[in-house]
Amino acid sequence: MQFSNSTGLDMGASFSPDGALVAYASDKSGSFEIFVKSIEPAARELQLTNDGNQNLSPAFSPDGRWIGFFTDGKLKK
């Protein structure tokens, strides 16, 4: 299923434990930032980071309350 139509590169998709959300990294702003979006067709995405770092590999915690990711090679939560 296609979940984005970004002008940039979207990668590293991770689904929430309940399957309702997808988190991913996108470079559409010039650097990779983390976004989350519902899998519903008309859902809007929510940008979680906006720091200009290279934020990659988002992953949901087992309970779905947190999203961890790597930024500049360091794990963030």
C-alpha atoms as a PDB file:
ATOM      1  CA  MET A   1       0.000   0.000   0.000  1.00  0.00           C
ATOM      2  CA  GLN A   2       1.318   3.454  -0.862  1.00  0.00           C
ATOM      3  CA  PHE A   3       1.196   5.692   2.206  1.00  0.00           C
ATOM      4  CA  SER A   4       2.822   8.867   0.909  1.00  0.00           C
ATOM      5  CA  ASN A   5       3.168  10.919  -2.240  1.00  0.00           C
ATOM      6  CA  SER A   6       6.113  13.021  -1.134  1.00  0.00           C
ATOM      7  CA  THR A   7       8.407  14.873  -3.514  1.00  0.00           C
ATOM      8  CA  GLY A   8      11.344  13.564  -1.459  1.00  0.00           C
ATOM      9  CA  LEU A   9      12.617  10.144  -0.516  1.00  0.00           C
ATOM     10  CA  ASP A  10      10.465   8.396   2.116  1.00  0.00           C
ATOM     11  CA  MET A  11      12.093   5.392   3.769  1.00  0.00           C
ATOM     12  CA  GLY A  12      12.345   3.229   6.856  1.00  0.00           C
ATOM     13  CA  ALA A  13       8.630   2.684   7.416  1.00  0.00           C
ATOM     14  CA  SER A  14       7.657   1.182  10.773  1.00  0.00           C
ATOM     15  CA  PHE A  15       4.113   0.203  11.726  1.00  0.00           C
ATOM     16  CA  SER A  16       2.676   0.719  15.197  1.00  0.00           C
ATOM     17  CA  PRO A  17       1.903  -2.469  17.149  1.00  0.00           C
ATOM     18  CA  ASP A  18      -1.827  -2.098  16.404  1.00  0.00           C
ATOM     19  CA  GLY A  19      -1.142  -1.458  12.694  1.00  0.00           C
ATOM     20  CA  ALA A  20      -2.995   1.879  12.692  1.00  0.00           C
ATOM     21  CA  LEU A  21       0.017   4.194  12.236  1.00  0.00           C
ATOM     22  CA  VAL A  22       3.161   4.248  10.156  1.00  0.00           C
ATOM     23  CA  ALA A  23       6.311   6.203  11.053  1.00  0.00           C
ATOM     24  CA  TYR A  24       8.913   6.970   8.407  1.00  0.00           C
ATOM     25  CA  ALA A  25      11.811   9.241   7.504  1.00  0.00           C
ATOM     26  CA  SER A  26      11.536  11.733   4.631  1.00  0.00           C
ATOM     27  CA  ASP A  27      14.028  14.173   3.130  1.00  0.00           C
ATOM     28  CA  LYS A  28      11.422  16.378   1.448  1.00  0.00           C
ATOM     29  CA  SER A  29      12.578  19.356   3.547  1.00  0.00           C
ATOM     30  CA  GLY A  30      16.248  18.891   2.608  1.00  0.00           C
ATOM     31  CA  SER A  31      17.261  16.697   5.555  1.00  0.00           C
ATOM     32  CA  PHE A  32      15.696  13.513   6.878  1.00  0.00           C
ATOM     33  CA  GLU A  33      12.957  14.163   9.431  1.00  0.00           C
ATOM     34  CA  ILE A  34      10.557  11.735  11.129  1.00  0.00           C
ATOM     35  CA  PHE A  35       6.867  11.707  10.224  1.00  0.00           C
ATOM     36  CA  VAL A  36       3.919   9.645  11.441  1.00  0.00           C
ATOM     37  CA  LYS A  37       0.644   9.047   9.660  1.00  0.00           C
ATOM     38  CA  SER A  38      -2.496   6.986  10.086  1.00  0.00           C
ATOM     39  CA  ILE A  39      -3.015   4.312   7.444  1.00  0.00           C
ATOM     40  CA  GLU A  40      -6.479   5.763   6.708  1.00  0.00           C
ATOM     41  CA  PRO A  41      -6.582   7.001   3.069  1.00  0.00           C
ATOM     42  CA  ALA A  42      -7.390  10.668   3.835  1.00  0.00           C
ATOM     43  CA  ALA A  43      -5.091  10.966   6.880  1.00  0.00           C
ATOM     44  CA  ARG A  44      -2.642  13.829   7.184  1.00  0.00           C
ATOM     45  CA  GLU A  45       0.932  13.260   8.239  1.00  0.00           C
ATOM     46  CA  LEU A  46       2.414  14.729  11.402  1.00  0.00           C
ATOM     47  CA  GLN A  47       6.045  15.850  11.370  1.00  0.00           C
ATOM     48  CA  LEU A  48       7.709  14.746  14.619  1.00  0.00           C
ATOM     49  CA  THR A  49      11.185  16.211  14.109  1.00  0.00           C
ATOM     50  CA  ASN A  50      12.325  19.466  12.558  1.00  0.00           C
ATOM     51  CA  ASP A  51      15.928  19.876  13.627  1.00  0.00           C
ATOM     52  CA  GLY A  52      17.808  19.552  10.325  1.00  0.00           C
ATOM     53  CA  ASN A  53      19.633  16.445  11.530  1.00  0.00           C
ATOM     54  CA  GLN A  54      19.622  13.189   9.638  1.00  0.00           C
ATOM     55  CA  ASN A  55      16.802  11.430  11.542  1.00  0.00           C
ATOM     56  CA  LEU A  56      16.387   7.837  10.339  1.00  0.00           C
ATOM     57  CA  SER A  57      15.012   4.389  11.164  1.00  0.00           C
ATOM     58  CA  PRO A  58      11.952   5.201  13.280  1.00  0.00           C
ATOM     59  CA  ALA A  59      10.592   2.314  15.356  1.00  0.00           C
ATOM     60  CA  PHE A  60       7.600   2.111  17.675  1.00  0.00           C
ATOM     61  CA  SER A  61       7.994   0.879  21.231  1.00  0.00           C
ATOM     62  CA  PRO A  62       6.197  -2.411  21.974  1.00  0.00           C
ATOM     63  CA  ASP A  63       3.290  -0.542  23.630  1.00  0.00           C
ATOM     64  CA  GLY A  64       3.067   1.977  20.744  1.00  0.00           C
ATOM     65  CA  ARG A  65       3.496   5.020  23.010  1.00  0.00           C
ATOM     66  CA  TRP A  66       6.987   6.015  21.843  1.00  0.00           C
ATOM     67  CA  ILE A  67       8.914   6.248  18.603  1.00  0.00           C
ATOM     68  CA  GLY A  68      12.660   5.824  18.750  1.00  0.00           C
ATOM     69  CA  PHE A  69      14.953   6.845  15.888  1.00  0.00           C
ATOM     70  CA  PHE A  70      18.575   7.488  15.031  1.00  0.00           C
ATOM     71  CA  THR A  71      19.841  11.025  14.552  1.00  0.00           C
ATOM     72  CA  ASP A  72      23.419  11.689  13.459  1.00  0.00           C
ATOM     73  CA  GLY A  73      24.133   8.053  14.334  1.00  0.00           C
ATOM     74  CA  LYS A  74      22.789   8.299  17.916  1.00  0.00           C
ATOM     75  CA  LEU A  75      19.601   6.686  19.241  1.00  0.00           C
ATOM     76  CA  LYS A  76      16.895   9.151  20.340  1.00  0.00           C
ATOM     77  CA  LYS A  77      13.517   8.586  21.948  1.00  0.00           C
END
